[in-house]
Amino acid sequence: MGGELRAGGNWRPLAPAGINVVTGITAPVPLTTRDGRYRQTAHATFDGQTLSLCRSEHELDRSGADCARLVGTQRDFSRGLAGRVETERFVRGPLRCDLPLRSR
């Protein structure tokens, strides 16, 4: 099952989205439903252990916010960490995070 975005009072299929997040920097994430009718800019941040995806930027720092979070170790993320996230009123579905490959 793919991801879903809460929009217009209902859960709607979400088009796949990919982002690059740099540790400590907030990145805007454009989310669009598959039918293109609903769009929202979410905000993502990564601190080395937690990837957070929130509806608004000010929610990133709130522990009780309705944000999707993927938590792991650096080793988990370097291997590619995937999980299912579910928020009450924002997004739900699979989320995957990979650290970039290190060049030698």
PDB file of N, CA and C in Angstrom:
ATOM      1  N   MET A   1       0.846  -1.182   0.000  1.00  0.00           N
ATOM      2  CA  MET A   1       0.000   0.000   0.000  1.00  0.00           C
ATOM      3  C   MET A   1       0.886   1.237   0.000  1.00  0.00           C
ATOM      4  N   GLY A   2       0.524   2.230  -0.784  1.00  0.00           N
ATOM      5  CA  GLY A   2       1.275   3.471  -0.846  1.00  0.00           C
ATOM      6  C   GLY A   2       0.891   4.413   0.267  1.00  0.00           C
ATOM      7  N   GLY A   3       1.513   5.561   0.246  1.00  0.00           N
ATOM      8  CA  GLY A   3       1.237   6.561   1.256  1.00  0.00           C
ATOM      9  C   GLY A   3      -0.063   7.298   1.006  1.00  0.00           C
ATOM     10  N   GLU A   4      -0.553   7.926   2.061  1.00  0.00           N
ATOM     11  CA  GLU A   4      -1.786   8.702   1.978  1.00  0.00           C
ATOM     12  C   GLU A   4      -1.604  10.030   2.700  1.00  0.00           C
ATOM     13  N   LEU A   5      -2.266  11.047   2.180  1.00  0.00           N
ATOM     14  CA  LEU A   5      -2.257  12.385   2.750  1.00  0.00           C
ATOM     15  C   LEU A   5      -3.669  12.708   3.225  1.00  0.00           C
ATOM     16  N   ARG A   6      -3.776  13.280   4.407  1.00  0.00           N
ATOM     17  CA  ARG A   6      -5.083  13.712   4.914  1.00  0.00           C
ATOM     18  C   ARG A   6      -5.381  15.073   4.293  1.00  0.00           C
ATOM     19  N   ALA A   7      -6.368  15.111   3.424  1.00  0.00           N
ATOM     20  CA  ALA A   7      -6.719  16.346   2.724  1.00  0.00           C
ATOM     21  C   ALA A   7      -8.217  16.374   2.477  1.00  0.00           C
ATOM     22  N   GLY A   8      -8.821  17.528   2.644  1.00  0.00           N
ATOM     23  CA  GLY A   8     -10.253  17.660   2.423  1.00  0.00           C
ATOM     24  C   GLY A   8     -11.066  16.772   3.339  1.00  0.00           C
ATOM     25  N   GLY A   9     -10.527  16.463   4.542  1.00  0.00           N
ATOM     26  CA  GLY A   9     -11.244  15.652   5.515  1.00  0.00           C
ATOM     27  C   GLY A   9     -11.169  14.153   5.289  1.00  0.00           C
ATOM     28  N   ASN A  10     -10.445  13.707   4.256  1.00  0.00           N
ATOM     29  CA  ASN A  10     -10.333  12.275   3.966  1.00  0.00           C
ATOM     30  C   ASN A  10      -8.885  11.901   3.684  1.00  0.00           C
ATOM     31  N   TRP A  11      -8.588  10.608   3.800  1.00  0.00           N
ATOM     32  CA  TRP A  11      -7.281  10.095   3.404  1.00  0.00           C
ATOM     33  C   TRP A  11      -7.294   9.898   1.900  1.00  0.00           C
ATOM     34  N   ARG A  12      -6.283  10.457   1.220  1.00  0.00           N
ATOM     35  CA  ARG A  12      -6.203  10.392  -0.235  1.00  0.00           C
ATOM     36  C   ARG A  12      -4.851   9.826  -0.653  1.00  0.00           C
ATOM     37  N   PRO A  13      -4.824   8.992  -1.712  1.00  0.00           N
ATOM     38  CA  PRO A  13      -3.560   8.415  -2.164  1.00  0.00           C
ATOM     39  C   PRO A  13      -2.541   9.505  -2.503  1.00  0.00           C
ATOM     40  N   LEU A  14      -1.330   9.304  -2.038  1.00  0.00           N
ATOM     41  CA  LEU A  14      -0.260  10.279  -2.185  1.00  0.00           C
ATOM     42  C   LEU A  14       0.674   9.865  -3.308  1.00  0.00           C
ATOM     43  N   ALA A  15       1.042  10.803  -4.149  1.00  0.00           N
ATOM     44  CA  ALA A  15       2.037  10.541  -5.188  1.00  0.00           C
ATOM     45  C   ALA A  15       3.390  10.353  -4.512  1.00  0.00           C
ATOM     46  N   PRO A  16       4.247   9.472  -5.026  1.00  0.00           N
ATOM     47  CA  PRO A  16       5.576   9.284  -4.428  1.00  0.00           C
ATOM     48  C   PRO A  16       6.352  10.600  -4.407  1.00  0.00           C
ATOM     49  N   ALA A  17       7.151  10.790  -3.367  1.00  0.00           N
ATOM     50  CA  ALA A  17       7.962  12.006  -3.235  1.00  0.00           C
ATOM     51  C   ALA A  17       9.355  11.611  -2.760  1.00  0.00           C
ATOM     52  N   GLY A  18      10.349  12.306  -3.248  1.00  0.00           N
ATOM     53  CA  GLY A  18      11.720  12.091  -2.810  1.00  0.00           C
ATOM     54  C   GLY A  18      12.330  13.421  -2.415  1.00  0.00           C
ATOM     55  N   ILE A  19      13.164  13.395  -1.393  1.00  0.00           N
ATOM     56  CA  ILE A  19      13.784  14.629  -0.912  1.00  0.00           C
ATOM     57  C   ILE A  19      15.222  14.355  -0.510  1.00  0.00           C
ATOM     58  N   ASN A  20      16.011  15.411  -0.455  1.00  0.00           N
ATOM     59  CA  ASN A  20      17.351  15.361   0.121  1.00  0.00           C
ATOM     60  C   ASN A  20      17.329  16.249   1.348  1.00  0.00           C
ATOM     61  N   VAL A  21      17.721  15.681   2.488  1.00  0.00           N
ATOM     62  CA  VAL A  21      17.740  16.449   3.726  1.00  0.00           C
ATOM     63  C   VAL A  21      19.166  16.428   4.269  1.00  0.00           C
ATOM     64  N   VAL A  22      19.667  17.593   4.613  1.00  0.00           N
ATOM     65  CA  VAL A  22      20.990  17.733   5.205  1.00  0.00           C
ATOM     66  C   VAL A  22      20.811  17.858   6.713  1.00  0.00           C
ATOM     67  N   THR A  23      21.650  17.165   7.464  1.00  0.00           N
ATOM     68  CA  THR A  23      21.552  17.189   8.921  1.00  0.00           C
ATOM     69  C   THR A  23      21.501  18.618   9.438  1.00  0.00           C
ATOM     70  N   GLY A  24      20.477  18.891  10.246  1.00  0.00           N
ATOM     71  CA  GLY A  24      20.334  20.192  10.888  1.00  0.00           C
ATOM     72  C   GLY A  24      19.656  21.266  10.055  1.00  0.00           C
ATOM     73  N   ILE A  25      19.290  20.959   8.819  1.00  0.00           N
ATOM     74  CA  ILE A  25      18.642  21.950   7.954  1.00  0.00           C
ATOM     75  C   ILE A  25      17.231  21.471   7.612  1.00  0.00           C
ATOM     76  N   THR A  26      16.277  22.379   7.697  1.00  0.00           N
ATOM     77  CA  THR A  26      14.897  22.047   7.357  1.00  0.00           C
ATOM     78  C   THR A  26      14.712  22.135   5.846  1.00  0.00           C
ATOM     79  N   ALA A  27      14.084  21.114   5.275  1.00  0.00           N
ATOM     80  CA  ALA A  27      13.848  21.072   3.833  1.00  0.00           C
ATOM     81  C   ALA A  27      12.352  21.057   3.550  1.00  0.00           C
ATOM     82  N   PRO A  28      11.887  21.888   2.611  1.00  0.00           N
ATOM     83  CA  PRO A  28      10.481  21.826   2.208  1.00  0.00           C
ATOM     84  C   PRO A  28      10.251  20.560   1.380  1.00  0.00           C
ATOM     85  N   VAL A  29       9.089  19.952   1.575  1.00  0.00           N
ATOM     86  CA  VAL A  29       8.744  18.719   0.871  1.00  0.00           C
ATOM     87  C   VAL A  29       7.380  18.907   0.214  1.00  0.00           C
ATOM     88  N   PRO A  30       7.341  19.049  -1.102  1.00  0.00           N
ATOM     89  CA  PRO A  30       6.046  19.187  -1.768  1.00  0.00           C
ATOM     90  C   PRO A  30       5.329  17.831  -1.820  1.00  0.00           C
ATOM     91  N   LEU A  31       4.143  17.779  -1.257  1.00  0.00           N
ATOM     92  CA  LEU A  31       3.319  16.566  -1.273  1.00  0.00           C
ATOM     93  C   LEU A  31       2.103  16.828  -2.150  1.00  0.00           C
ATOM     94  N   THR A  32       1.784  15.874  -2.999  1.00  0.00           N
ATOM     95  CA  THR A  32       0.648  15.995  -3.906  1.00  0.00           C
ATOM     96  C   THR A  32      -0.109  14.678  -3.924  1.00  0.00           C
ATOM     97  N   THR A  33      -1.423  14.750  -3.931  1.00  0.00           N
ATOM     98  CA  THR A  33      -2.209  13.528  -4.064  1.00  0.00           C
ATOM     99  C   THR A  33      -2.048  13.008  -5.486  1.00  0.00           C
ATOM    100  N   ARG A  34      -2.276  11.724  -5.669  1.00  0.00           N
ATOM    101  CA  ARG A  34      -2.091  11.120  -6.994  1.00  0.00           C
ATOM    102  C   ARG A  34      -2.942  11.766  -8.072  1.00  0.00           C
ATOM    103  N   ASP A  35      -4.129  12.206  -7.697  1.00  0.00           N
ATOM    104  CA  ASP A  35      -4.989  12.844  -8.700  1.00  0.00           C
ATOM    105  C   ASP A  35      -4.638  14.319  -8.925  1.00  0.00           C
ATOM    106  N   GLY A  36      -3.683  14.843  -8.152  1.00  0.00           N
ATOM    107  CA  GLY A  36      -3.235  16.216  -8.329  1.00  0.00           C
ATOM    108  C   GLY A  36      -4.153  17.280  -7.762  1.00  0.00           C
ATOM    109  N   ARG A  37      -5.224  16.894  -7.111  1.00  0.00           N
ATOM    110  CA  ARG A  37      -6.207  17.865  -6.609  1.00  0.00           C
ATOM    111  C   ARG A  37      -5.752  18.574  -5.343  1.00  0.00           C
ATOM    112  N   TYR A  38      -4.929  17.899  -4.521  1.00  0.00           N
ATOM    113  CA  TYR A  38      -4.515  18.486  -3.248  1.00  0.00           C
ATOM    114  C   TYR A  38      -2.994  18.546  -3.199  1.00  0.00           C
ATOM    115  N   ARG A  39      -2.491  19.705  -2.757  1.00  0.00           N
ATOM    116  CA  ARG A  39      -1.051  19.904  -2.615  1.00  0.00           C
ATOM    117  C   ARG A  39      -0.781  20.517  -1.251  1.00  0.00           C
ATOM    118  N   GLN A  40       0.337  20.114  -0.671  1.00  0.00           N
ATOM    119  CA  GLN A  40       0.745  20.687   0.600  1.00  0.00           C
ATOM    120  C   GLN A  40       2.256  20.642   0.682  1.00  0.00           C
ATOM    121  N   THR A  41       2.851  21.676   1.246  1.00  0.00           N
ATOM    122  CA  THR A  41       4.285  21.669   1.479  1.00  0.00           C
ATOM    123  C   THR A  41       4.517  21.273   2.925  1.00  0.00           C
ATOM    124  N   ALA A  42       5.124  20.113   3.117  1.00  0.00           N
ATOM    125  CA  ALA A  42       5.496  19.650   4.448  1.00  0.00           C
ATOM    126  C   ALA A  42       6.943  20.089   4.692  1.00  0.00           C
ATOM    127  N   HIS A  43       7.472  19.763   5.870  1.00  0.00           N
ATOM    128  CA  HIS A  43       8.837  20.152   6.222  1.00  0.00           C
ATOM    129  C   HIS A  43       9.533  18.962   6.864  1.00  0.00           C
ATOM    130  N   ALA A  44      10.775  18.714   6.424  1.00  0.00           N
ATOM    131  CA  ALA A  44      11.537  17.575   6.928  1.00  0.00           C
ATOM    132  C   ALA A  44      12.843  18.047   7.541  1.00  0.00           C
ATOM    133  N   THR A  45      13.301  17.298   8.526  1.00  0.00           N
ATOM    134  CA  THR A  45      14.598  17.540   9.135  1.00  0.00           C
ATOM    135  C   THR A  45      15.190  16.200   9.551  1.00  0.00           C
ATOM    136  N   PHE A  46      16.519  16.154   9.637  1.00  0.00           N
ATOM    137  CA  PHE A  46      17.225  14.938  10.041  1.00  0.00           C
ATOM    138  C   PHE A  46      18.330  15.347  11.001  1.00  0.00           C
ATOM    139  N   ASP A  47      18.392  14.693  12.170  1.00  0.00           N
ATOM    140  CA  ASP A  47      19.410  15.048  13.159  1.00  0.00           C
ATOM    141  C   ASP A  47      20.478  13.969  13.329  1.00  0.00           C
ATOM    142  N   GLY A  48      20.490  12.992  12.438  1.00  0.00           N
ATOM    143  CA  GLY A  48      21.451  11.901  12.536  1.00  0.00           C
ATOM    144  C   GLY A  48      20.830  10.630  13.085  1.00  0.00           C
ATOM    145  N   GLN A  49      19.745  10.770  13.840  1.00  0.00           N
ATOM    146  CA  GLN A  49      19.045   9.615  14.398  1.00  0.00           C
ATOM    147  C   GLN A  49      17.561   9.597  14.077  1.00  0.00           C
ATOM    148  N   THR A  50      16.991  10.765  13.791  1.00  0.00           N
ATOM    149  CA  THR A  50      15.554  10.859  13.537  1.00  0.00           C
ATOM    150  C   THR A  50      15.287  11.670  12.283  1.00  0.00           C
ATOM    151  N   LEU A  51      14.524  11.087  11.365  1.00  0.00           N
ATOM    152  CA  LEU A  51      13.997  11.820  10.222  1.00  0.00           C
ATOM    153  C   LEU A  51      12.581  12.218  10.609  1.00  0.00           C
ATOM    154  N   SER A  52      12.289  13.506  10.592  1.00  0.00           N
ATOM    155  CA  SER A  52      10.958  14.009  10.949  1.00  0.00           C
ATOM    156  C   SER A  52      10.333  14.681   9.747  1.00  0.00           C
ATOM    157  N   LEU A  53       9.075  14.369   9.506  1.00  0.00           N
ATOM    158  CA  LEU A  53       8.289  14.988   8.443  1.00  0.00           C
ATOM    159  C   LEU A  53       7.032  15.554   9.089  1.00  0.00           C
ATOM    160  N   CYS A  54       6.899  16.885   9.032  1.00  0.00           N
ATOM    161  CA  CYS A  54       5.789  17.551   9.711  1.00  0.00           C
ATOM    162  C   CYS A  54       5.010  18.428   8.741  1.00  0.00           C
ATOM    163  N   ARG A  55       3.772  18.666   9.098  1.00  0.00           N
ATOM    164  CA  ARG A  55       2.885  19.500   8.282  1.00  0.00           C
ATOM    165  C   ARG A  55       3.404  20.937   8.215  1.00  0.00           C
ATOM    166  N   SER A  56       3.930  21.451   9.317  1.00  0.00           N
ATOM    167  CA  SER A  56       4.447  22.833   9.321  1.00  0.00           C
ATOM    168  C   SER A  56       5.806  22.870  10.009  1.00  0.00           C
ATOM    169  N   GLU A  57       6.575  23.875   9.682  1.00  0.00           N
ATOM    170  CA  GLU A  57       7.942  23.989  10.195  1.00  0.00           C
ATOM    171  C   GLU A  57       7.981  24.139  11.710  1.00  0.00           C
ATOM    172  N   HIS A  58       7.027  24.864  12.287  1.00  0.00           N
ATOM    173  CA  HIS A  58       7.060  25.071  13.740  1.00  0.00           C
ATOM    174  C   HIS A  58       6.759  23.785  14.524  1.00  0.00           C
ATOM    175  N   GLU A  59       6.176  22.783  13.885  1.00  0.00           N
ATOM    176  CA  GLU A  59       5.905  21.509  14.568  1.00  0.00           C
ATOM    177  C   GLU A  59       7.160  20.646  14.722  1.00  0.00           C
ATOM    178  N   LEU A  60       8.204  20.921  13.953  1.00  0.00           N
ATOM    179  CA  LEU A  60       9.412  20.099  13.995  1.00  0.00           C
ATOM    180  C   LEU A  60      10.028  20.033  15.389  1.00  0.00           C
ATOM    181  N   ASP A  61       9.918  21.113  16.150  1.00  0.00           N
ATOM    182  CA  ASP A  61      10.536  21.160  17.473  1.00  0.00           C
ATOM    183  C   ASP A  61       9.607  20.728  18.602  1.00  0.00           C
ATOM    184  N   ARG A  62       8.369  20.413  18.289  1.00  0.00           N
ATOM    185  CA  ARG A  62       7.408  20.021  19.322  1.00  0.00           C
ATOM    186  C   ARG A  62       7.318  18.510  19.412  1.00  0.00           C
ATOM    187  N   SER A  63       7.521  17.965  20.590  1.00  0.00           N
ATOM    188  CA  SER A  63       7.506  16.505  20.747  1.00  0.00           C
ATOM    189  C   SER A  63       6.124  15.909  20.542  1.00  0.00           C
ATOM    190  N   GLY A  64       5.063  16.612  20.859  1.00  0.00           N
ATOM    191  CA  GLY A  64       3.714  16.074  20.726  1.00  0.00           C
ATOM    192  C   GLY A  64       3.061  16.377  19.387  1.00  0.00           C
ATOM    193  N   ALA A  65       3.816  16.941  18.463  1.00  0.00           N
ATOM    194  CA  ALA A  65       3.258  17.334  17.166  1.00  0.00           C
ATOM    195  C   ALA A  65       2.867  16.103  16.344  1.00  0.00           C
ATOM    196  N   ASP A  66       1.955  16.310  15.420  1.00  0.00           N
ATOM    197  CA  ASP A  66       1.462  15.248  14.540  1.00  0.00           C
ATOM    198  C   ASP A  66       2.425  15.084  13.358  1.00  0.00           C
ATOM    199  N   CYS A  67       3.622  14.560  13.654  1.00  0.00           N
ATOM    200  CA  CYS A  67       4.686  14.402  12.660  1.00  0.00           C
ATOM    201  C   CYS A  67       4.994  12.925  12.449  1.00  0.00           C
ATOM    202  N   ALA A  68       5.416  12.607  11.225  1.00  0.00           N
ATOM    203  CA  ALA A  68       5.893  11.255  10.930  1.00  0.00           C
ATOM    204  C   ALA A  68       7.377  11.222  11.286  1.00  0.00           C
ATOM    205  N   ARG A  69       7.794  10.208  12.046  1.00  0.00           N
ATOM    206  CA  ARG A  69       9.197  10.124  12.462  1.00  0.00           C
ATOM    207  C   ARG A  69       9.725   8.713  12.215  1.00  0.00           C
ATOM    208  N   LEU A  70      10.934   8.663  11.670  1.00  0.00           N
ATOM    209  CA  LEU A  70      11.641   7.411  11.443  1.00  0.00           C
ATOM    210  C   LEU A  70      12.921   7.506  12.265  1.00  0.00           C
ATOM    211  N   VAL A  71      13.094   6.585  13.224  1.00  0.00           N
ATOM    212  CA  VAL A  71      14.205   6.644  14.168  1.00  0.00           C
ATOM    213  C   VAL A  71      15.120   5.448  13.969  1.00  0.00           C
ATOM    214  N   GLY A  72      16.430   5.698  13.967  1.00  0.00           N
ATOM    215  CA  GLY A  72      17.398   4.616  13.834  1.00  0.00           C
ATOM    216  C   GLY A  72      18.799   5.079  14.149  1.00  0.00           C
ATOM    217  N   THR A  73      19.733   4.155  14.096  1.00  0.00           N
ATOM    218  CA  THR A  73      21.138   4.478  14.305  1.00  0.00           C
ATOM    219  C   THR A  73      21.757   4.888  12.974  1.00  0.00           C
ATOM    220  N   GLN A  74      22.971   5.420  13.026  1.00  0.00           N
ATOM    221  CA  GLN A  74      23.665   5.765  11.778  1.00  0.00           C
ATOM    222  C   GLN A  74      23.856   4.519  10.922  1.00  0.00           C
ATOM    223  N   ARG A  75      24.135   3.400  11.559  1.00  0.00           N
ATOM    224  CA  ARG A  75      24.293   2.147  10.807  1.00  0.00           C
ATOM    225  C   ARG A  75      22.987   1.767  10.116  1.00  0.00           C
ATOM    226  N   ASP A  76      21.854   1.916  10.816  1.00  0.00           N
ATOM    227  CA  ASP A  76      20.547   1.632  10.197  1.00  0.00           C
ATOM    228  C   ASP A  76      20.345   2.498   8.958  1.00  0.00           C
ATOM    229  N   PHE A  77      20.585   3.796   9.107  1.00  0.00           N
ATOM    230  CA  PHE A  77      20.369   4.710   7.996  1.00  0.00           C
ATOM    231  C   PHE A  77      21.358   4.468   6.859  1.00  0.00           C
ATOM    232  N   SER A  78      22.598   4.075   7.182  1.00  0.00           N
ATOM    233  CA  SER A  78      23.574   3.834   6.118  1.00  0.00           C
ATOM    234  C   SER A  78      23.203   2.604   5.294  1.00  0.00           C
ATOM    235  N   ARG A  79      22.513   1.655   5.908  1.00  0.00           N
ATOM    236  CA  ARG A  79      22.022   0.471   5.182  1.00  0.00           C
ATOM    237  C   ARG A  79      20.722   0.755   4.440  1.00  0.00           C
ATOM    238  N   GLY A  80      20.071   1.836   4.821  1.00  0.00           N
ATOM    239  CA  GLY A  80      18.749   2.149   4.279  1.00  0.00           C
ATOM    240  C   GLY A  80      17.703   1.673   5.271  1.00  0.00           C
ATOM    241  N   LEU A  81      17.023   2.594   5.895  1.00  0.00           N
ATOM    242  CA  LEU A  81      16.030   2.267   6.915  1.00  0.00           C
ATOM    243  C   LEU A  81      14.638   2.562   6.366  1.00  0.00           C
ATOM    244  N   ALA A  82      13.772   1.600   6.462  1.00  0.00           N
ATOM    245  CA  ALA A  82      12.397   1.760   5.992  1.00  0.00           C
ATOM    246  C   ALA A  82      11.447   1.397   7.118  1.00  0.00           C
ATOM    247  N   GLY A  83      10.336   2.070   7.159  1.00  0.00           N
ATOM    248  CA  GLY A  83       9.313   1.778   8.150  1.00  0.00           C
ATOM    249  C   GLY A  83       7.980   2.330   7.700  1.00  0.00           C
ATOM    250  N   ARG A  84       6.976   1.990   8.428  1.00  0.00           N
ATOM    251  CA  ARG A  84       5.641   2.519   8.153  1.00  0.00           C
ATOM    252  C   ARG A  84       5.348   3.575   9.207  1.00  0.00           C
ATOM    253  N   VAL A  85       4.902   4.736   8.762  1.00  0.00           N
ATOM    254  CA  VAL A  85       4.557   5.817   9.682  1.00  0.00           C
ATOM    255  C   VAL A  85       3.056   6.068   9.587  1.00  0.00           C
ATOM    256  N   GLU A  86       2.513   6.539  10.679  1.00  0.00           N
ATOM    257  CA  GLU A  86       1.084   6.863  10.687  1.00  0.00           C
ATOM    258  C   GLU A  86       0.848   7.988  11.672  1.00  0.00           C
ATOM    259  N   THR A  87       0.346   9.089  11.166  1.00  0.00           N
ATOM    260  CA  THR A  87      -0.021  10.209  12.013  1.00  0.00           C
ATOM    261  C   THR A  87      -1.543  10.280  12.079  1.00  0.00           C
ATOM    262  N   GLU A  88      -2.024  11.023  13.034  1.00  0.00           N
ATOM    263  CA  GLU A  88      -3.472  11.095  13.210  1.00  0.00           C
ATOM    264  C   GLU A  88      -4.172  11.883  12.108  1.00  0.00           C
ATOM    265  N   ARG A  89      -3.548  13.018  11.708  1.00  0.00           N
ATOM    266  CA  ARG A  89      -4.243  13.914  10.774  1.00  0.00           C
ATOM    267  C   ARG A  89      -3.357  14.429   9.638  1.00  0.00           C
ATOM    268  N   PHE A  90      -2.270  13.720   9.300  1.00  0.00           N
ATOM    269  CA  PHE A  90      -1.349  14.277   8.320  1.00  0.00           C
ATOM    270  C   PHE A  90      -0.979  13.285   7.221  1.00  0.00           C
ATOM    271  N   VAL A  91      -0.114  12.342   7.493  1.00  0.00           N
ATOM    272  CA  VAL A  91       0.304  11.347   6.498  1.00  0.00           C
ATOM    273  C   VAL A  91       0.371   9.964   7.130  1.00  0.00           C
ATOM    274  N   ARG A  92       0.303   8.959   6.271  1.00  0.00           N
ATOM    275  CA  ARG A  92       0.524   7.589   6.712  1.00  0.00           C
ATOM    276  C   ARG A  92       1.020   6.794   5.506  1.00  0.00           C
ATOM    277  N   GLY A  93       1.822   5.779   5.798  1.00  0.00           N
ATOM    278  CA  GLY A  93       2.349   4.941   4.728  1.00  0.00           C
ATOM    279  C   GLY A  93       3.826   4.657   4.920  1.00  0.00           C
ATOM    280  N   PRO A  94       4.463   4.083   3.897  1.00  0.00           N
ATOM    281  CA  PRO A  94       5.876   3.723   4.005  1.00  0.00           C
ATOM    282  C   PRO A  94       6.775   4.958   3.920  1.00  0.00           C
ATOM    283  N   LEU A  95       7.884   4.911   4.656  1.00  0.00           N
ATOM    284  CA  LEU A  95       8.885   5.971   4.634  1.00  0.00           C
ATOM    285  C   LEU A  95      10.249   5.308   4.626  1.00  0.00           C
ATOM    286  N   ARG A  96      11.129   5.757   3.755  1.00  0.00           N
ATOM    287  CA  ARG A  96      12.459   5.172   3.634  1.00  0.00           C
ATOM    288  C   ARG A  96      13.500   6.278   3.645  1.00  0.00           C
ATOM    289  N   CYS A  97      14.616   6.017   4.318  1.00  0.00           N
ATOM    290  CA  CYS A  97      15.695   6.989   4.395  1.00  0.00           C
ATOM    291  C   CYS A  97      17.028   6.270   4.204  1.00  0.00           C
ATOM    292  N   ASP A  98      17.856   6.811   3.314  1.00  0.00           N
ATOM    293  CA  ASP A  98      19.194   6.293   3.065  1.00  0.00           C
ATOM    294  C   ASP A  98      20.198   7.418   3.239  1.00  0.00           C
ATOM    295  N   LEU A  99      21.309   7.124   3.887  1.00  0.00           N
ATOM    296  CA  LEU A  99      22.413   8.076   3.911  1.00  0.00           C
ATOM    297  C   LEU A  99      23.162   7.950   2.604  1.00  0.00           C
ATOM    298  N   PRO A 100      23.745   9.042   2.119  1.00  0.00           N
ATOM    299  CA  PRO A 100      24.493   8.937   0.860  1.00  0.00           C
ATOM    300  C   PRO A 100      25.704   8.028   1.029  1.00  0.00           C
ATOM    301  N   LEU A 101      26.073   7.382  -0.061  1.00  0.00           N
ATOM    302  CA  LEU A 101      27.259   6.528  -0.043  1.00  0.00           C
ATOM    303  C   LEU A 101      28.498   7.392   0.132  1.00  0.00           C
ATOM    304  N   ARG A 102      29.423   6.915   0.940  1.00  0.00           N
ATOM    305  CA  ARG A 102      30.659   7.651   1.141  1.00  0.00           C
ATOM    306  C   ARG A 102      31.657   7.267   0.062  1.00  0.00           C
ATOM    307  N   SER A 103      32.268   8.267  -0.517  1.00  0.00           N
ATOM    308  CA  SER A 103      33.290   7.967  -1.530  1.00  0.00           C
ATOM    309  C   SER A 103      34.622   7.726  -0.831  1.00  0.00           C
ATOM    310  N   ARG A 104      35.429   6.886  -1.421  1.00  0.00           N
ATOM    311  CA  ARG A 104      36.718   6.547  -0.813  1.00  0.00           C
ATOM    312  C   ARG A 104      37.816   7.344  -1.428  1.00  0.00           C
TER     313      ARG A 104
END
